[in-house]
C-alpha cells in the first residue's frame, strides 16, 4: 500500500507511488523559497539545517547526482544560497520503501466513508513510517484494516492513504486521512486556507497573565540540533506560524489551555509555548520535563514526579476537528475525549490546588 507523505499541513506535489517495478523512483524530498533577508550560506550547510533525518554524506551524494536545484538549475555543494531563491531537493527511493507493510492493530475509527477517515490516535503511536520507525505506525495499521485478508489482488485496488495533516507521536487525538487523490487535494486546500476547525487541549507550565492571547513567530529547524524546532520572532528563518490560546483552568503552577492553530508547523504549539516561557507539561524536547514553576519543597517535587509518571509524555491532545466534506459539501465536526492519563493528571493538579487554597484560608484565620 502506498501513501502520500508531507512535511507540513500542505498538499505534497509528488506522488510517491511512481516508477517502474524494481527500479528507483525520483521523489521530491524538500522545497522552499529562501527569505529575502538571509545571509549567503553554502547549499550543503543550508540543507543540513533544514532537512530532517539526513546525513551530510547523503546530502553530498544528492548534490553530486544533480538532484538539488536552485531556481531550476543543479548546483555544486559550495554554491552560496541567497535570499529569494527557490530550492528543490529530490532523492531516489526503491518502490518497496514507499509501501506500507500491513500490521494488525486496534484502531479507534471515529468516522469513515469512501473518501476519508477520522482516526482517534492514541499517544505513543507514530503516524507514518520514517527513520527508526518502520513498523507499528498508524499507517501500518490502516494498511491491514483496509485489506484484512491480505489478498495481493485486492491490495492493488486499495485506496491510497493521504496524510492531510499530522500530529506528533506523543500527541493524542483526532487525525484526518484522505483515501482518494481528489479528497486529498480538496482537504489540503482547506488546511492551506486556514478554514479547518482545530482545537487542542494542553497543560503548560506557569500562570498565564492573560485569559486569551496569540503567539506569532516563525518556526524552523533548530540551527544546532536538527531534530528540534525553534521559534524565530524576527522572521529571519522558518515559516510564519500563529497560535491562539484560551485559558480553561488555572492550577497555581500549571495552566490548562485550549489552543487554536492558524498554521500547521512542526511542533508549533510546543515551540510557541516554550518561546513565551510556558513549555508544555512533561515536554522533554522543549524543557517541560522538569519543574519550571512551583516550590522548593521535596513534597512538591515528589508530587510533580508522580504526575510525570502518570503522564509520561507532553500534555497535548487534539480535541476538536471540523472541515467541509470534499464530496458532499457537508460540514463535518468531531470531538475526542482526553485520554485517561491526561485526565488523571488534571485531577491531581485540581486536588493539589484545592488543598493549597484551603491551607491558605486556614492560615488566614
Protein backbone atom coordinates (compact mmCIF):
# COMPACT_ATOMS: atom_id res chain seq x y z
CA UNK A 1 0.00 0.00 0.00
CA UNK A 2 1.37 3.39 -0.92
CA UNK A 3 0.78 6.66 0.85
CA UNK A 4 1.36 10.36 0.46
CA UNK A 5 3.98 11.89 2.69
CA UNK A 6 4.49 15.53 3.59
CA UNK A 7 6.41 17.94 5.79
CA UNK A 8 3.52 20.19 6.89
CA UNK A 9 -0.22 20.76 6.58
CA UNK A 10 0.02 21.22 2.83
CA UNK A 11 -0.69 19.05 -0.18
CA UNK A 12 2.51 17.30 -1.34
CA UNK A 13 3.22 17.87 -5.01
CA UNK A 14 4.72 14.46 -5.81
CA UNK A 15 3.02 11.09 -5.73
CA UNK A 16 5.38 8.62 -4.07
CA UNK A 17 3.88 5.64 -5.88
CA UNK A 18 5.62 6.16 -9.21
CA UNK A 19 8.41 4.41 -11.09
CA UNK A 20 8.65 1.04 -12.77
CA UNK A 21 8.66 -2.13 -10.62
CA UNK A 22 12.15 -2.95 -9.44
CA UNK A 23 13.58 0.48 -10.35
CA UNK A 24 14.35 3.53 -8.23
CA UNK A 25 11.88 6.38 -8.22
CA UNK A 26 12.70 10.07 -8.04
CA UNK A 27 10.70 11.92 -5.41
CA UNK A 28 10.68 15.45 -4.07
CA UNK A 29 12.10 15.49 -0.54
CA UNK A 30 12.26 19.23 0.15
CA UNK A 31 11.08 22.50 -1.40
CA UNK A 32 11.27 26.08 -0.15
CA UNK A 33 11.86 29.70 -1.14
CA UNK A 34 14.51 31.42 0.98
CA UNK A 35 13.73 34.57 2.91
CA UNK A 36 14.75 37.80 1.24
CA UNK A 37 16.97 38.96 4.10
CA UNK A 38 19.04 35.81 4.65
CA UNK A 39 22.84 35.91 4.62
CA UNK A 40 24.63 33.85 1.91
CA UNK A 41 25.16 30.23 3.02
CA UNK A 42 26.57 27.15 1.30
CA UNK A 43 23.80 24.95 -0.09
CA UNK A 44 25.06 21.81 1.71
CA UNK A 45 25.06 23.61 5.09
CA UNK A 46 21.65 25.12 4.37
CA UNK A 47 20.13 21.71 3.63
CA UNK A 48 21.71 20.18 6.75
CA UNK A 49 19.87 22.78 8.84
CA UNK A 50 16.54 22.36 7.09
CA UNK A 51 16.04 18.70 6.10
CA UNK A 52 15.07 16.06 8.65
CA UNK A 53 16.72 12.66 9.07
CA UNK A 54 19.55 13.08 6.58
CA UNK A 55 23.34 12.86 6.85
CA UNK A 56 25.96 15.18 5.41
CA UNK A 57 27.22 12.37 3.16
CA UNK A 58 23.69 11.78 1.83
CA UNK A 59 23.31 15.48 1.01
CA UNK A 60 26.65 15.45 -0.80
CA UNK A 61 25.58 12.40 -2.80
CA UNK A 62 22.27 14.02 -3.75
CA UNK A 63 24.07 17.20 -4.84
CA UNK A 64 26.62 15.19 -6.86
CA UNK A 65 23.72 13.44 -8.64
CA UNK A 66 22.33 16.87 -9.64
CA UNK A 67 19.17 16.38 -7.62
CA UNK A 68 19.41 19.73 -5.81
CA UNK A 69 18.02 22.53 -7.95
CA UNK A 70 18.25 26.25 -7.20
CA UNK A 71 15.89 28.30 -9.37
CA UNK A 72 15.58 25.25 -11.59
CA UNK A 73 19.29 24.57 -12.10
CA UNK A 74 21.55 21.92 -10.47
CA UNK A 75 24.28 23.33 -8.23
CA UNK A 76 27.52 22.25 -6.55
CA UNK A 77 27.98 21.83 -2.80
CA UNK A 78 29.84 25.15 -2.45
CA UNK A 79 27.06 27.15 -4.13
CA UNK A 80 26.04 30.11 -1.96
CA UNK A 81 22.30 30.36 -1.30
CA UNK A 82 20.91 33.89 -1.09
CA UNK A 83 17.51 35.40 -0.36
CA UNK A 84 14.59 34.86 -2.71
CA UNK A 85 15.86 31.61 -4.24
CA UNK A 86 13.70 28.53 -4.83
CA UNK A 87 15.40 25.33 -3.63
CA UNK A 88 14.15 21.86 -4.53
CA UNK A 89 15.83 18.67 -3.38
CA UNK A 90 14.99 15.26 -4.83
CA UNK A 91 16.07 11.80 -3.78
CA UNK A 92 15.75 8.30 -5.18
CA UNK A 93 13.97 5.56 -3.33
CA UNK A 94 13.22 1.97 -4.26
CA UNK A 95 9.48 1.37 -4.64
CA UNK A 96 9.34 -1.11 -1.78
CA UNK A 97 10.40 1.61 0.66
CA UNK A 98 7.40 3.77 -0.25
CA UNK A 99 5.00 0.97 0.55
CA UNK A 100 3.39 0.27 3.89
CA UNK A 101 3.66 -3.20 5.38
CA UNK A 102 0.26 -4.17 6.84
CA UNK A 103 0.19 -4.85 10.58
CA UNK A 104 -2.84 -5.87 12.61
CA UNK A 105 -3.52 -3.45 15.48
CA UNK A 106 -6.53 -1.86 17.17
CA UNK A 107 -7.70 1.39 15.53
CA UNK A 108 -10.14 3.89 17.02
CA UNK A 109 -12.00 4.93 13.87
CA UNK A 110 -14.37 7.82 14.63
CA UNK A 111 -15.75 8.11 11.09
CA UNK A 112 -15.21 6.51 7.69
CA UNK A 113 -16.70 6.72 4.21
CA UNK A 114 -15.48 6.09 0.67
CA UNK A 115 -13.12 9.09 0.53
CA UNK A 116 -11.92 9.85 4.06
CA UNK A 117 -11.41 8.62 7.62
CA UNK A 118 -11.15 10.31 11.01
CA UNK A 119 -8.94 8.45 13.48
CA UNK A 120 -8.58 8.96 17.22
CA UNK A 121 -4.84 8.39 17.61
CA UNK A 122 -3.55 7.18 20.98
CA UNK A 123 -0.37 8.65 22.47
CA UNK A 124 2.94 6.92 21.76
CA UNK A 125 1.96 6.00 18.20
CA UNK A 126 3.94 7.28 15.22
CA UNK A 127 1.72 8.32 12.31
CA UNK A 128 3.79 7.07 9.38
CA UNK A 129 7.00 5.10 8.79
CA UNK A 130 10.22 7.07 8.88
CA UNK A 131 13.78 6.92 10.10
CA UNK A 132 13.83 4.46 13.01
CA UNK A 133 10.08 3.79 12.81
CA UNK A 134 9.37 1.36 10.01
CA UNK A 135 6.65 -0.61 11.78
CA UNK A 136 3.96 -0.15 14.39
CA UNK A 137 2.77 3.13 12.87
CA UNK A 138 -0.79 4.23 12.27
CA UNK A 139 -0.40 3.72 8.52
CA UNK A 140 0.80 0.15 9.07
CA UNK A 141 -2.44 -0.47 10.96
CA UNK A 142 -4.56 1.22 8.28
CA UNK A 143 -2.96 -0.96 5.61
CA UNK A 144 -4.17 -4.05 7.49
CA UNK A 145 -7.60 -2.58 8.23
CA UNK A 146 -8.28 -1.83 4.56
CA UNK A 147 -7.13 -5.28 3.49
CA UNK A 148 -7.70 -7.70 6.41
CA UNK A 149 -7.40 -10.80 4.21
CA UNK A 150 -4.04 -9.58 2.87
CA UNK A 151 -5.07 -10.55 -0.63
CA UNK A 152 -2.38 -9.43 -3.15
CA UNK A 153 -5.02 -8.97 -5.86
CA UNK A 154 -7.11 -6.81 -3.57
CA UNK A 155 -4.10 -4.76 -2.48
CA UNK A 156 -3.67 -3.22 -5.91
CA UNK A 157 -7.24 -1.89 -5.82
CA UNK A 158 -6.97 -0.34 -2.38
CA UNK A 159 -7.40 3.41 -1.97
CA UNK A 160 -4.14 5.15 -1.19
CA UNK A 161 -3.77 6.81 2.18
CA UNK A 162 -3.20 10.57 2.27
CA UNK A 163 -1.97 12.34 5.39
CA UNK A 164 -3.81 15.62 5.19
CA UNK A 165 -2.08 16.72 8.39
CA UNK A 166 0.00 15.12 11.13
CA UNK A 167 0.24 15.09 14.91
CA UNK A 168 3.29 14.16 16.95
CA UNK A 169 3.94 10.66 18.27
CA UNK A 170 3.09 11.65 21.86
CA UNK A 171 0.17 13.91 20.97
CA UNK A 172 -3.16 12.11 21.16
CA UNK A 173 -6.38 12.88 19.35
CA UNK A 174 -8.06 13.42 16.00
CA UNK A 175 -6.35 12.85 12.69
CA UNK A 176 -7.87 13.24 9.21
CA UNK A 177 -6.99 10.73 6.48
CA UNK A 178 -7.82 11.04 2.76
CA UNK A 179 -8.50 7.90 0.72
CA UNK A 180 -8.56 9.43 -2.77
CA UNK A 181 -6.38 11.96 -4.56
CA UNK A 182 -9.36 14.26 -5.15
CA UNK A 183 -10.26 14.22 -1.45
CA UNK A 184 -6.61 14.84 -0.57
CA UNK A 185 -6.42 17.92 -2.76
CA UNK A 186 -9.68 19.41 -1.52
CA UNK A 187 -8.97 18.75 2.16
CA UNK A 188 -5.39 20.03 1.89
CA UNK A 189 -6.73 23.21 0.27
CA UNK A 190 -8.91 23.77 3.33
CA UNK A 191 -5.90 23.43 5.62
CA UNK A 192 -3.90 25.82 3.47
CA UNK A 193 -6.76 28.36 3.53
CA UNK A 194 -6.96 28.03 7.36
CA UNK A 195 -10.66 27.14 7.22
CA UNK A 196 -10.32 23.85 9.11
CA UNK A 197 -11.56 23.94 12.71
CA UNK A 198 -8.88 22.57 15.04
CA UNK A 199 -8.80 22.80 18.82
CA UNK A 200 -6.16 21.27 21.09
CA UNK A 201 -6.17 20.88 24.86
CA UNK A 202 -2.82 21.32 26.56
CA UNK A 203 -1.36 21.60 30.05
CA UNK A 204 1.52 24.07 30.28
CA UNK A 205 3.86 25.32 32.98
CA UNK A 206 3.19 28.67 34.63
CA UNK A 207 0.29 31.02 35.18
CA UNK A 208 -0.62 32.92 32.00
CA UNK A 209 -1.10 36.64 32.58
CA UNK A 210 -4.00 36.94 30.14
CA UNK A 211 -7.03 34.70 29.72
CA UNK A 212 -6.60 34.81 25.94
CA UNK A 213 -3.71 35.56 23.65
CA UNK A 214 -1.94 34.97 20.34
CA UNK A 215 1.63 33.82 19.74
CA UNK A 216 3.15 34.82 16.40
CA UNK A 217 6.65 33.70 15.47
CA UNK A 218 8.26 31.92 12.53
CA UNK A 219 9.13 28.27 13.20
CA UNK A 220 12.05 26.48 11.60
CA UNK A 221 14.60 23.79 12.33
CA UNK A 222 16.91 24.50 15.24
CA UNK A 223 20.22 25.65 13.77
CA UNK A 224 22.26 23.41 16.10
CA UNK A 225 20.01 20.45 16.89
CA UNK A 226 18.25 19.32 13.72
CA UNK A 227 15.70 17.08 15.46
CA UNK A 228 14.30 20.10 17.30
CA UNK A 229 12.37 23.08 16.02
CA UNK A 230 12.85 26.67 17.13
CA UNK A 231 10.99 29.98 17.08
CA UNK A 232 12.30 32.99 15.16
CA UNK A 233 10.19 36.00 16.20
CA UNK A 234 12.09 38.33 13.85
CA UNK A 235 11.04 36.24 10.84
CA UNK A 236 14.64 35.68 9.74
CA UNK A 237 14.19 31.94 9.34
CA UNK A 238 11.50 29.28 9.19
CA UNK A 239 7.83 29.63 8.26
CA UNK A 240 5.15 32.01 9.50
CA UNK A 241 3.17 30.49 12.40
CA UNK A 242 0.24 31.70 14.53
CA UNK A 243 -1.18 30.03 17.65
CA UNK A 244 -4.16 31.34 19.62
CA UNK A 245 -4.75 30.25 23.22
CA UNK A 246 -7.54 30.47 25.79
CA UNK A 247 -7.14 29.65 29.47
CA UNK A 248 -9.54 26.93 30.61
CA UNK A 249 -8.42 26.41 34.21
CA UNK A 250 -5.56 27.58 36.43
CA UNK A 251 -3.74 25.28 38.86
CA UNK A 252 -1.24 27.59 40.61
CA UNK A 253 1.90 26.47 38.78
CA UNK A 254 0.40 24.99 35.60
CA UNK A 255 -2.44 26.09 33.33
CA UNK A 256 -4.96 24.11 31.30
CA UNK A 257 -5.50 25.71 27.90
CA UNK A 258 -7.25 25.45 24.58
CA UNK A 259 -5.09 26.08 21.51
CA UNK A 260 -6.34 27.10 18.09
CA UNK A 261 -3.98 26.83 15.14
CA UNK A 262 -4.00 29.18 12.17
CA UNK A 263 -0.98 27.47 10.67
CA UNK A 264 0.28 23.90 10.97
CA UNK A 265 4.03 23.93 11.51
CA UNK A 266 6.00 21.07 13.02
CA UNK A 267 5.78 21.17 16.85
CA UNK A 268 4.04 24.55 16.58
CA UNK A 269 2.16 24.59 19.89
CA UNK A 270 5.14 23.16 21.77
CA UNK A 271 7.65 25.62 20.30
CA UNK A 272 5.41 28.68 20.66
CA UNK A 273 4.70 27.92 24.30
CA UNK A 274 8.36 27.46 25.08
CA UNK A 275 9.03 30.83 23.42
CA UNK A 276 6.78 32.65 25.89
CA UNK A 277 8.14 30.76 28.90
CA UNK A 278 5.34 28.23 29.24
CA UNK A 279 6.59 24.86 27.91
CA UNK A 280 4.06 22.05 27.81
CA UNK A 281 3.96 19.88 30.91
CA UNK A 282 6.45 16.98 30.62
CA UNK A 283 7.65 18.01 27.15
CA UNK A 284 11.16 16.54 27.24
CA UNK A 285 12.18 18.15 23.94
CA UNK A 286 11.33 21.72 24.90
CA UNK A 287 12.10 21.92 28.58
CA UNK A 288 8.84 20.85 30.18
CA UNK A 289 10.07 17.65 31.83
CA UNK A 290 11.48 19.36 34.93
CA UNK A 291 9.95 21.72 37.46
CA UNK A 292 9.57 25.09 35.75
CA UNK A 293 7.29 26.73 38.33
CA UNK A 294 6.50 25.86 41.94
CA UNK A 295 8.05 25.48 45.36
CA UNK A 296 11.39 24.11 46.56
CA UNK A 297 9.81 21.62 48.94
CA UNK A 298 10.58 17.91 48.49
CA UNK A 299 6.87 17.12 48.80
CA UNK A 300 6.12 19.28 45.77
CA UNK A 301 8.92 17.65 43.76
CA UNK A 302 7.50 14.23 44.59
CA UNK A 303 4.05 15.39 43.50
CA UNK A 304 5.37 16.57 40.13
CA UNK A 305 7.40 13.36 39.65
CA UNK A 306 4.25 11.34 40.28
CA UNK A 307 2.42 13.40 37.64
CA UNK A 308 5.24 12.74 35.18
CA UNK A 309 4.93 9.01 35.81
CA UNK A 310 1.18 9.08 35.20
CA UNK A 311 1.62 11.16 32.02
CA UNK A 312 4.98 10.07 30.55
CA UNK A 313 4.69 12.40 27.55
CA UNK A 314 3.92 16.00 26.72
CA UNK A 315 0.41 17.07 27.71
CA UNK A 316 -1.28 17.80 24.39
CA UNK A 317 -4.47 16.39 22.86
CA UNK A 318 -6.12 17.15 19.50
CA UNK A 319 -9.67 17.50 20.84
CA UNK A 320 -11.77 19.01 18.01
CA UNK A 321 -11.68 18.75 14.23
CA UNK A 322 -14.08 20.33 11.74
CA UNK A 323 -13.99 20.60 7.95
CA UNK A 324 -16.16 20.59 4.82
CA UNK A 325 -16.64 17.15 3.28
CA UNK A 326 -14.80 17.14 -0.07
CA UNK A 327 -17.63 15.34 -1.91
CA UNK A 328 -20.93 16.21 -0.21
CA UNK A 329 -20.06 19.74 0.93
CA UNK A 330 -21.48 18.89 4.36
CA UNK A 331 -19.97 20.44 7.49
CA UNK A 332 -18.23 17.70 9.49
CA UNK A 333 -17.35 18.09 13.18
CA UNK A 334 -15.71 15.62 15.57
CA UNK A 335 -14.58 15.65 19.19
CA UNK A 336 -12.33 13.37 21.22
CA UNK A 337 -12.24 12.96 24.99
CA UNK A 338 -9.00 13.42 26.85
CA UNK A 339 -7.10 10.15 27.38
CA UNK A 340 -7.16 8.63 30.85
CA UNK A 341 -3.57 9.62 31.72
CA UNK A 342 -4.25 13.27 30.83
CA UNK A 343 -7.49 13.30 32.85
CA UNK A 344 -5.78 11.80 35.89
CA UNK A 345 -3.03 14.41 35.92
CA UNK A 346 -5.56 17.23 35.63
CA UNK A 347 -7.47 15.82 38.61
CA UNK A 348 -4.26 15.60 40.64
CA UNK A 349 -3.47 19.26 39.95
CA UNK A 350 -7.07 20.21 40.73
CA UNK A 351 -6.86 18.49 44.13
CA UNK A 352 -3.42 19.99 44.80
CA UNK A 353 -4.71 23.50 44.04
CA UNK A 354 -7.78 22.99 46.23
CA UNK A 355 -5.66 21.74 49.14
CA UNK A 356 -3.24 24.67 48.78
CA UNK A 357 -6.06 27.24 48.80
CA UNK A 358 -7.67 25.55 51.79
CA UNK A 359 -4.37 25.72 53.68
CA UNK A 360 -4.03 29.43 52.86
CA UNK A 361 -7.58 30.01 54.06
CA UNK A 362 -6.93 28.20 57.35
CA UNK A 363 -3.72 30.19 57.95
CA UNK A 364 -5.60 33.45 57.33
CA UNK A 365 -7.67 32.69 60.41
